[in-house]
Every structure is written in structure tokens, then in C-alpha cells.
């Protein structure tokens, strides 16, 4: 039975995006990600049953192919089977995303951690887009694994750096639990710009002042945003711009450290960091149900996340194509996530057996960061 047109198109596009994969690997990746996107589930049983019914194939044969895609070479049948090295795909995946990026001059990355119950800790680097995110690099650790994360973050950044044009302004957003001076400086070494949230602990002083002051007394509820050059932390001092904001509706202040002044960014990018939380929801119960994965091997889970990332990219891209600029804010389409819109679009395309055209990611504006005339201590 011939493949649906959309699946044929998808396989062809994957072969171009990942030239270092074998023909067999591309075919399984295409079937796996297409079945995952169509069924909105990453479980092998659901995906293989869907593909078997769609393509009129034996479900046991498809299931074996999907299982072996995640296996190491020693567990596969035959002498010519190749093991998928996920780390080698981070640069091609990043380049694929950026090839469809409409605004080549600006890119916002989020560095964050997600968990699968107590079994796994997943370090991720994602491109923020459309109130969600596209994962482009990750590291899976056993939930009880010990050791420092800093070298792992450096590896992930090094793996995606070759795919990012030097002229692109790259902002890298970190949650406050990930603050590290070493990581701050490592991001700058790529000519990228860190934006790190810090806790209200420790001390700071302005460059023109000799006195250290307590960070917890810097902000107050309802204050207007402000920023100034400062030295933060006595023990391991970092000189950077300190952005300060405490909106009246928020429970606590937001303190950010960056090598850029707000006027150099033309807006405050940090609120966009929450989009990665929406993306983690797309990974799990709100999307492809990764939390139900029963794999007990971090490397196999990493390969499964590779398929998930490809499926999410496809769905987000299709959902973006549905939301044309002329759609009003009251339209029901605006109430759905890009992943859900992309899923609906993919269903319709498969029903009509038509290939969807390639789409590009439009640019988005940053939240404003107003500079008050009044200065704060």
C-alpha cells in the first residue's frame, strides 16, 4: 500500500534535514514521528497500531522497527545495523529549525530542566516560539544520578553552536535555580547574551558605590522596571546589568542579570521563558504523554525524545501556518495551542490525502520594558 502524500513529503524532508542518518533510520524516524504526531501519543503500542491500520501492515513488524530505533547497536538484529547517536543530531535539528526562521537576526533560547516523576531528570535547550518551544538539545539523567550539571550544559551549548549564524542575536534565558557565573561567562564566549534570574539572596553594589547592599531590599511590590550596571555577590562577584521588576500582581520580585541593558534588547525577553513550561506540557499530559514511557535506560529515552522533538516541530510548524495574521483575537483558533492546531491540520491533510506545504516561523515581539525616570537604590 502506498504511503499517504503527507507521509511521503515528510520522509523526503527528513532525509534532507538529517543527511547523516541512513535511509533506514530516516524511514523509521519518519514513520515514528508521523504516527506520534497523528496519534498524539509517544507510546509504541499506540503508534504501531495506528501505522499498521493506516498502511495495512503487520503491527508486530512495525513495533519491532520502532523498538530497534531506540536500541543500541549490540541489541539490534543483523550485522549492518547502526546505533542512533542523538548528540550528533542536535546541530542538524537546530539548523533545520533555523532554516525556517523568518527573523534571522534574533533567536531566544530557554535553558531549563524537566522531570519524569523521580525516574529521570532532563536538561533541555529549546527555541522559544509561539507560546511554546522547540527542543533542540537535551541530556537525560537517571533521577538519582549524582554529579555536576555545569559540564553537561556546556556540552549541549557546544553541540548547537555550529548551527547558529554568528550575526544572529541569541538571548539565552535561565531560571533562577540555574544561576552560575561560569555558565554566564560560557554563554558570552559564544557571543550570545545570557539573561539569568537570581534569588533575592546575597549582596550587590552599583559601580559608583562603595557599599554593598542586600538584594532582598532592592525591590518593592508595584515598582516600575529599572536596570543599572552592578556588581553582584561578594564571594564570586559578577559584573553585569541588574534588571529589577516587581509587578503588583506578582508574589515576588524578578531580578535578572544580563550582559545587555534593556535598551539593547528593545524589550524584556524573560516573560517568554514561561513558554518552555507550556512545551513541557506538550511533552507530557497535555500533548504526547512522554510521562507514560516505560523505558529504563536514559540513552533509549533520549532517542525517544529525538522522535518527540521532530514530531513537535512538525505540529508547531503546521499550527503556525493555520494562524494567519488576519485571524481576529476572538476567533476560536486563538484558543488552541500550536501543537493542537497542527494536529488538527495534520488530521485534515491525511483525510484528504494531500501534502502540506512547508511553512516558516514568523517573528514575535518582546514584552516592553519601560525605564522610569526615578532611580532606585
Protein backbone atom coordinates (compact mmCIF):
# COMPACT_ATOMS: atom_id res chain seq x y z
CA UNK A 1 0.00 0.00 0.00
CA UNK A 2 1.47 3.42 -0.94
CA UNK A 3 2.07 5.97 1.81
CA UNK A 4 -0.25 8.99 2.17
CA UNK A 5 1.10 12.05 0.36
CA UNK A 6 1.80 13.90 3.58
CA UNK A 7 3.89 10.99 4.90
CA UNK A 8 5.82 10.78 1.62
CA UNK A 9 6.53 14.50 1.82
CA UNK A 10 7.55 14.15 5.46
CA UNK A 11 10.04 11.34 4.71
CA UNK A 12 11.60 13.37 1.91
CA UNK A 13 12.00 16.40 4.16
CA UNK A 14 13.60 14.35 6.94
CA UNK A 15 16.14 12.88 4.52
CA UNK A 16 17.23 16.43 3.65
CA UNK A 17 17.23 17.67 7.26
CA UNK A 18 19.29 14.74 8.60
CA UNK A 19 21.78 13.77 5.88
CA UNK A 20 23.96 11.82 8.33
CA UNK A 21 21.17 9.31 9.03
CA UNK A 22 20.91 6.16 6.95
CA UNK A 23 17.96 5.62 4.63
CA UNK A 24 16.53 3.02 7.03
CA UNK A 25 16.90 5.36 10.01
CA UNK A 26 15.15 8.18 8.15
CA UNK A 27 12.28 5.91 7.21
CA UNK A 28 11.73 4.70 10.78
CA UNK A 29 12.11 8.26 12.12
CA UNK A 30 9.50 9.44 9.62
CA UNK A 31 7.03 6.67 10.44
CA UNK A 32 7.61 7.00 14.18
CA UNK A 33 7.27 10.81 14.32
CA UNK A 34 4.32 10.84 11.90
CA UNK A 35 2.48 8.19 13.94
CA UNK A 36 3.33 10.06 17.14
CA UNK A 37 2.01 13.35 15.76
CA UNK A 38 -1.16 11.75 14.36
CA UNK A 39 -2.00 9.77 17.49
CA UNK A 40 -0.78 12.48 19.90
CA UNK A 41 0.94 9.74 21.86
CA UNK A 42 4.55 8.55 22.10
CA UNK A 43 3.66 5.03 23.28
CA UNK A 44 4.98 2.41 20.85
CA UNK A 45 1.84 0.26 21.06
CA UNK A 46 -0.50 3.08 20.07
CA UNK A 47 1.83 4.37 17.35
CA UNK A 48 2.46 0.95 15.78
CA UNK A 49 -1.25 0.01 15.81
CA UNK A 50 -2.12 3.32 14.14
CA UNK A 51 0.54 2.85 11.46
CA UNK A 52 -0.44 -0.79 10.90
CA UNK A 53 -4.08 0.13 10.32
CA UNK A 54 -3.20 3.15 8.18
CA UNK A 55 -0.66 1.36 5.99
CA UNK A 56 -2.20 -2.13 6.06
CA UNK A 57 0.96 -3.64 7.56
CA UNK A 58 1.58 -6.13 10.36
CA UNK A 59 1.71 -4.33 13.70
CA UNK A 60 4.36 -6.73 15.06
CA UNK A 61 6.77 -5.84 12.25
CA UNK A 62 6.28 -2.11 12.78
CA UNK A 63 6.63 -2.48 16.54
CA UNK A 64 9.96 -4.25 16.13
CA UNK A 65 11.26 -1.48 13.88
CA UNK A 66 10.22 1.19 16.35
CA UNK A 67 11.79 -0.68 19.27
CA UNK A 68 15.09 -1.18 17.47
CA UNK A 69 15.24 2.52 16.57
CA UNK A 70 15.83 3.21 20.28
CA UNK A 71 18.20 0.27 20.80
CA UNK A 72 21.98 0.35 20.95
CA UNK A 73 23.74 -1.42 18.05
CA UNK A 74 24.53 -4.56 20.08
CA UNK A 75 20.82 -5.23 20.65
CA UNK A 76 19.79 -4.97 17.00
CA UNK A 77 19.41 -7.80 14.53
CA UNK A 78 21.84 -8.08 11.64
CA UNK A 79 25.46 -7.03 11.17
CA UNK A 80 24.90 -3.68 9.43
CA UNK A 81 22.56 -2.09 11.96
CA UNK A 82 23.60 1.38 13.13
CA UNK A 83 23.10 2.91 16.54
CA UNK A 84 21.48 6.33 16.59
CA UNK A 85 23.76 8.88 18.26
CA UNK A 86 21.32 11.56 19.36
CA UNK A 87 24.02 14.10 20.16
CA UNK A 88 25.09 14.12 16.51
CA UNK A 89 21.57 15.20 15.50
CA UNK A 90 21.39 18.35 17.65
CA UNK A 91 23.20 20.55 15.12
CA UNK A 92 21.13 19.30 12.12
CA UNK A 93 17.94 19.69 14.16
CA UNK A 94 18.90 23.24 15.13
CA UNK A 95 19.84 24.08 11.53
CA UNK A 96 16.51 22.69 10.32
CA UNK A 97 14.59 24.89 12.73
CA UNK A 98 16.62 27.98 11.82
CA UNK A 99 16.28 27.32 8.09
CA UNK A 100 12.58 28.08 8.50
CA UNK A 101 13.14 31.05 10.82
CA UNK A 102 11.79 34.23 9.28
CA UNK A 103 13.66 36.61 11.58
CA UNK A 104 17.29 35.52 11.08
CA UNK A 105 18.61 38.34 13.28
CA UNK A 106 17.09 37.24 16.60
CA UNK A 107 16.77 33.96 18.45
CA UNK A 108 15.65 33.28 22.01
CA UNK A 109 16.69 30.07 23.75
CA UNK A 110 15.48 28.72 27.08
CA UNK A 111 17.67 26.52 29.27
CA UNK A 112 15.65 24.54 31.78
CA UNK A 113 15.09 21.18 33.46
CA UNK A 114 12.08 18.88 33.42
CA UNK A 115 11.41 15.62 35.25
CA UNK A 116 9.65 12.33 34.56
CA UNK A 117 8.44 11.62 38.08
CA UNK A 118 11.50 10.52 40.07
CA UNK A 119 12.93 8.32 37.32
CA UNK A 120 14.59 10.89 35.03
CA UNK A 121 15.97 14.40 35.03
CA UNK A 122 16.12 16.00 31.56
CA UNK A 123 18.31 19.03 30.86
CA UNK A 124 17.00 20.87 27.80
CA UNK A 125 17.85 23.73 25.47
CA UNK A 126 14.87 24.91 23.43
CA UNK A 127 13.98 27.59 20.91
CA UNK A 128 11.08 29.71 22.18
CA UNK A 129 8.27 30.27 19.72
CA UNK A 130 4.53 30.94 19.69
CA UNK A 131 3.86 30.44 23.43
CA UNK A 132 5.62 27.09 23.33
CA UNK A 133 9.14 25.87 22.50
CA UNK A 134 11.01 23.52 20.17
CA UNK A 135 13.63 21.31 21.90
CA UNK A 136 16.94 21.25 20.02
CA UNK A 137 19.31 19.65 22.57
CA UNK A 138 18.87 17.63 25.77
CA UNK A 139 20.58 15.31 28.23
CA UNK A 140 18.73 12.57 30.08
CA UNK A 141 19.95 11.63 33.55
CA UNK A 142 18.73 8.96 35.92
CA UNK A 143 16.65 10.53 38.66
CA UNK A 144 19.15 9.57 41.37
CA UNK A 145 22.26 10.45 39.32
CA UNK A 146 24.89 12.48 41.16
CA UNK A 147 27.32 14.93 39.67
CA UNK A 148 27.68 18.50 38.45
CA UNK A 149 25.40 19.82 35.69
CA UNK A 150 27.77 22.54 34.51
CA UNK A 151 29.80 20.33 32.11
CA UNK A 152 26.56 18.94 30.67
CA UNK A 153 25.20 22.40 29.91
CA UNK A 154 28.49 23.26 28.21
CA UNK A 155 28.23 20.13 26.03
CA UNK A 156 24.68 20.99 24.96
CA UNK A 157 25.60 24.57 24.04
CA UNK A 158 28.67 23.39 22.12
CA UNK A 159 26.58 20.89 20.14
CA UNK A 160 24.13 23.50 18.84
CA UNK A 161 26.56 26.42 18.41
CA UNK A 162 27.76 25.40 14.89
CA UNK A 163 24.20 25.64 13.57
CA UNK A 164 23.56 29.21 14.75
CA UNK A 165 24.74 32.05 12.44
CA UNK A 166 27.23 34.42 14.05
CA UNK A 167 25.24 37.50 13.08
CA UNK A 168 22.15 36.28 14.96
CA UNK A 169 21.47 37.94 18.30
CA UNK A 170 20.96 35.00 20.66
CA UNK A 171 19.36 35.54 24.06
CA UNK A 172 19.64 32.60 26.47
CA UNK A 173 17.12 32.59 29.35
CA UNK A 174 17.80 30.74 32.61
CA UNK A 175 15.53 30.07 35.54
CA UNK A 176 16.87 31.23 38.91
CA UNK A 177 17.70 27.69 40.06
CA UNK A 178 20.31 27.50 37.28
CA UNK A 179 22.29 30.66 38.07
CA UNK A 180 26.03 30.16 37.64
CA UNK A 181 28.75 32.70 36.95
CA UNK A 182 30.69 30.08 34.98
CA UNK A 183 27.67 29.37 32.81
CA UNK A 184 27.06 33.11 32.38
CA UNK A 185 30.59 33.55 31.05
CA UNK A 186 30.39 30.41 28.90
CA UNK A 187 27.32 31.77 27.10
CA UNK A 188 29.15 35.04 26.47
CA UNK A 189 32.08 33.12 24.96
CA UNK A 190 29.73 32.23 22.05
CA UNK A 191 28.90 35.95 21.64
CA UNK A 192 25.44 35.12 22.93
CA UNK A 193 23.67 37.02 25.70
CA UNK A 194 22.65 35.36 29.00
CA UNK A 195 19.58 36.52 30.87
CA UNK A 196 19.66 34.81 34.28
CA UNK A 197 17.16 35.13 37.05
CA UNK A 198 18.67 35.21 40.54
CA UNK A 199 17.27 34.77 44.01
CA UNK A 200 16.91 37.65 46.48
CA UNK A 201 19.91 36.39 48.40
CA UNK A 202 23.32 37.95 48.73
CA UNK A 203 24.53 41.48 48.11
CA UNK A 204 25.03 43.96 45.29
CA UNK A 205 26.50 47.39 44.76
CA UNK A 206 26.39 49.91 41.95
CA UNK A 207 29.61 50.57 40.08
CA UNK A 208 29.64 54.11 41.51
CA UNK A 209 29.10 52.96 45.11
CA UNK A 210 31.46 51.50 47.69
CA UNK A 211 28.76 50.00 49.89
CA UNK A 212 27.27 46.53 49.47
CA UNK A 213 23.51 46.32 49.91
CA UNK A 214 21.14 43.43 50.49
CA UNK A 215 19.35 42.20 47.35
CA UNK A 216 16.18 41.43 49.28
CA UNK A 217 15.72 45.15 49.97
CA UNK A 218 16.22 46.23 46.37
CA UNK A 219 12.67 45.77 45.03
CA UNK A 220 9.19 46.51 46.31
CA UNK A 221 5.77 45.48 45.04
CA UNK A 222 4.40 47.65 42.26
CA UNK A 223 7.70 49.32 41.40
CA UNK A 224 8.38 50.28 37.81
CA UNK A 225 11.04 48.25 35.98
CA UNK A 226 14.57 49.57 36.21
CA UNK A 227 18.06 48.43 35.33
CA UNK A 228 21.62 49.51 36.14
CA UNK A 229 25.18 48.20 35.99
CA UNK A 230 26.17 46.50 39.23
CA UNK A 231 28.44 44.02 40.94
CA UNK A 232 26.53 41.14 42.47
CA UNK A 233 27.57 38.67 45.20
CA UNK A 234 30.59 39.23 47.41
CA UNK A 235 32.02 35.74 47.21
CA UNK A 236 32.15 35.22 43.44
CA UNK A 237 31.40 38.69 42.11
CA UNK A 238 29.79 39.11 38.70
CA UNK A 239 29.64 42.50 36.99
CA UNK A 240 26.53 42.78 34.82
CA UNK A 241 23.35 44.71 34.21
CA UNK A 242 20.86 44.10 37.00
CA UNK A 243 17.24 44.22 35.82
CA UNK A 244 14.69 44.72 38.57
CA UNK A 245 10.91 44.41 38.38
CA UNK A 246 8.08 43.58 40.77
CA UNK A 247 4.63 43.80 39.21
CA UNK A 248 1.76 44.43 41.61
CA UNK A 249 0.04 41.15 40.69
CA UNK A 250 3.17 39.06 41.30
CA UNK A 251 4.06 37.47 44.63
CA UNK A 252 7.76 38.24 44.39
CA UNK A 253 10.29 40.39 42.59
CA UNK A 254 12.06 39.40 39.40
CA UNK A 255 15.82 40.06 39.46
CA UNK A 256 17.75 39.38 36.27
CA UNK A 257 21.42 39.52 35.35
CA UNK A 258 22.48 40.10 31.76
CA UNK A 259 25.40 41.49 29.78
CA UNK A 260 22.90 43.68 27.94
CA UNK A 261 20.98 46.75 29.01
CA UNK A 262 17.22 46.56 28.33
CA UNK A 263 17.51 49.21 25.61
CA UNK A 264 19.91 46.94 23.73
CA UNK A 265 17.25 44.24 23.60
CA UNK A 266 14.32 46.60 22.93
CA UNK A 267 12.10 44.75 25.37
CA UNK A 268 12.14 42.33 28.26
CA UNK A 269 12.51 38.77 26.93
CA UNK A 270 12.29 37.00 30.26
CA UNK A 271 8.48 36.56 30.44
CA UNK A 272 8.84 34.39 27.31
CA UNK A 273 10.70 31.82 29.42
CA UNK A 274 7.33 30.52 30.62
CA UNK A 275 6.72 29.22 27.11
CA UNK A 276 9.06 26.33 27.84
CA UNK A 277 6.73 25.28 30.65
CA UNK A 278 3.95 25.05 28.07
CA UNK A 279 6.31 22.98 25.91
CA UNK A 280 6.96 20.55 28.76
CA UNK A 281 3.19 20.17 28.99
CA UNK A 282 3.21 19.32 25.26
CA UNK A 283 5.78 16.62 26.03
CA UNK A 284 3.62 15.09 28.73
CA UNK A 285 -0.06 15.02 29.66
CA UNK A 286 -1.05 17.99 27.51
CA UNK A 287 0.46 16.51 24.36
CA UNK A 288 2.42 13.35 23.57
CA UNK A 289 2.37 11.66 27.01
CA UNK A 290 6.08 11.09 27.49
CA UNK A 291 5.46 10.53 31.22
CA UNK A 292 3.96 7.14 30.33
CA UNK A 293 7.19 5.88 28.77
CA UNK A 294 8.33 2.67 30.46
CA UNK A 295 11.92 2.71 29.24
CA UNK A 296 14.52 2.29 31.98
CA UNK A 297 17.56 3.36 30.01
CA UNK A 298 18.49 7.09 29.74
CA UNK A 299 20.00 6.70 26.26
CA UNK A 300 16.90 4.99 24.89
CA UNK A 301 14.73 7.70 26.40
CA UNK A 302 16.98 10.30 24.76
CA UNK A 303 16.36 8.66 21.36
CA UNK A 304 12.63 8.67 22.04
CA UNK A 305 12.81 12.39 22.86
CA UNK A 306 14.51 12.91 19.48
CA UNK A 307 11.45 11.45 17.76
CA UNK A 308 9.21 13.55 20.03
CA UNK A 309 11.14 16.72 19.15
CA UNK A 310 10.76 16.04 15.43
CA UNK A 311 7.03 15.38 15.87
CA UNK A 312 6.57 18.56 17.92
CA UNK A 313 8.45 20.63 15.36
CA UNK A 314 6.14 19.37 12.64
CA UNK A 315 2.99 20.06 14.68
CA UNK A 316 4.12 23.53 15.79
CA UNK A 317 5.02 24.45 12.24
CA UNK A 318 1.65 23.30 10.91
CA UNK A 319 -0.18 25.07 13.72
CA UNK A 320 1.71 28.26 12.92
CA UNK A 321 0.54 28.02 9.28
CA UNK A 322 -3.09 27.87 10.42
CA UNK A 323 -2.83 31.14 12.38
CA UNK A 324 -2.67 33.68 9.61
CA UNK A 325 -2.23 37.35 10.67
CA UNK A 326 -5.75 38.31 9.58
CA UNK A 327 -7.42 35.99 12.12
CA UNK A 328 -9.11 38.05 14.83
CA UNK A 329 -8.29 37.64 18.51
CA UNK A 330 -11.84 36.41 19.20
CA UNK A 331 -11.57 33.57 16.68
CA UNK A 332 -11.74 30.09 18.32
CA UNK A 333 -8.46 29.24 16.59
CA UNK A 334 -6.69 31.60 19.00
CA UNK A 335 -7.80 29.47 21.96
CA UNK A 336 -5.86 26.41 20.84
CA UNK A 337 -2.13 25.78 21.18
CA UNK A 338 0.04 25.50 18.09
CA UNK A 339 0.50 21.78 18.80
CA UNK A 340 -3.25 21.17 18.87
CA UNK A 341 -3.81 23.28 15.75
CA UNK A 342 -1.03 21.40 13.98
CA UNK A 343 -2.55 18.05 14.97
CA UNK A 344 -5.94 19.07 13.57
CA UNK A 345 -4.31 20.31 10.37
CA UNK A 346 -2.41 17.02 10.02
CA UNK A 347 -5.60 15.02 10.50
CA UNK A 348 -7.39 17.00 7.81
CA UNK A 349 -4.45 16.63 5.43
CA UNK A 350 -4.37 12.86 5.94
CA UNK A 351 -8.12 12.55 5.42
CA UNK A 352 -7.84 14.44 2.14
CA UNK A 353 -4.52 12.69 1.37
CA UNK A 354 -2.73 15.92 0.48
CA UNK A 355 0.82 17.03 1.21
CA UNK A 356 1.15 20.14 3.36
CA UNK A 357 3.40 22.89 2.08
CA UNK A 358 6.47 23.92 4.01
CA UNK A 359 5.88 26.86 6.34
CA UNK A 360 8.17 29.32 8.06
CA UNK A 361 8.22 30.72 11.57
CA UNK A 362 7.30 34.39 11.74
CA UNK A 363 8.95 36.74 14.20
CA UNK A 364 7.41 37.75 17.51
CA UNK A 365 7.69 40.89 19.61
CA UNK A 366 9.13 41.08 23.11
CA UNK A 367 7.25 42.42 26.13
CA UNK A 368 8.10 46.05 26.74
CA UNK A 369 10.50 47.14 29.47
CA UNK A 370 9.81 50.74 30.44
CA UNK A 371 12.54 52.80 32.01
CA UNK A 372 11.31 55.05 34.82
CA UNK A 373 12.91 58.42 35.42
CA UNK A 374 13.20 57.64 39.12
CA UNK A 375 16.20 55.55 40.20
CA UNK A 376 16.24 53.02 43.00
CA UNK A 377 18.94 52.12 45.49
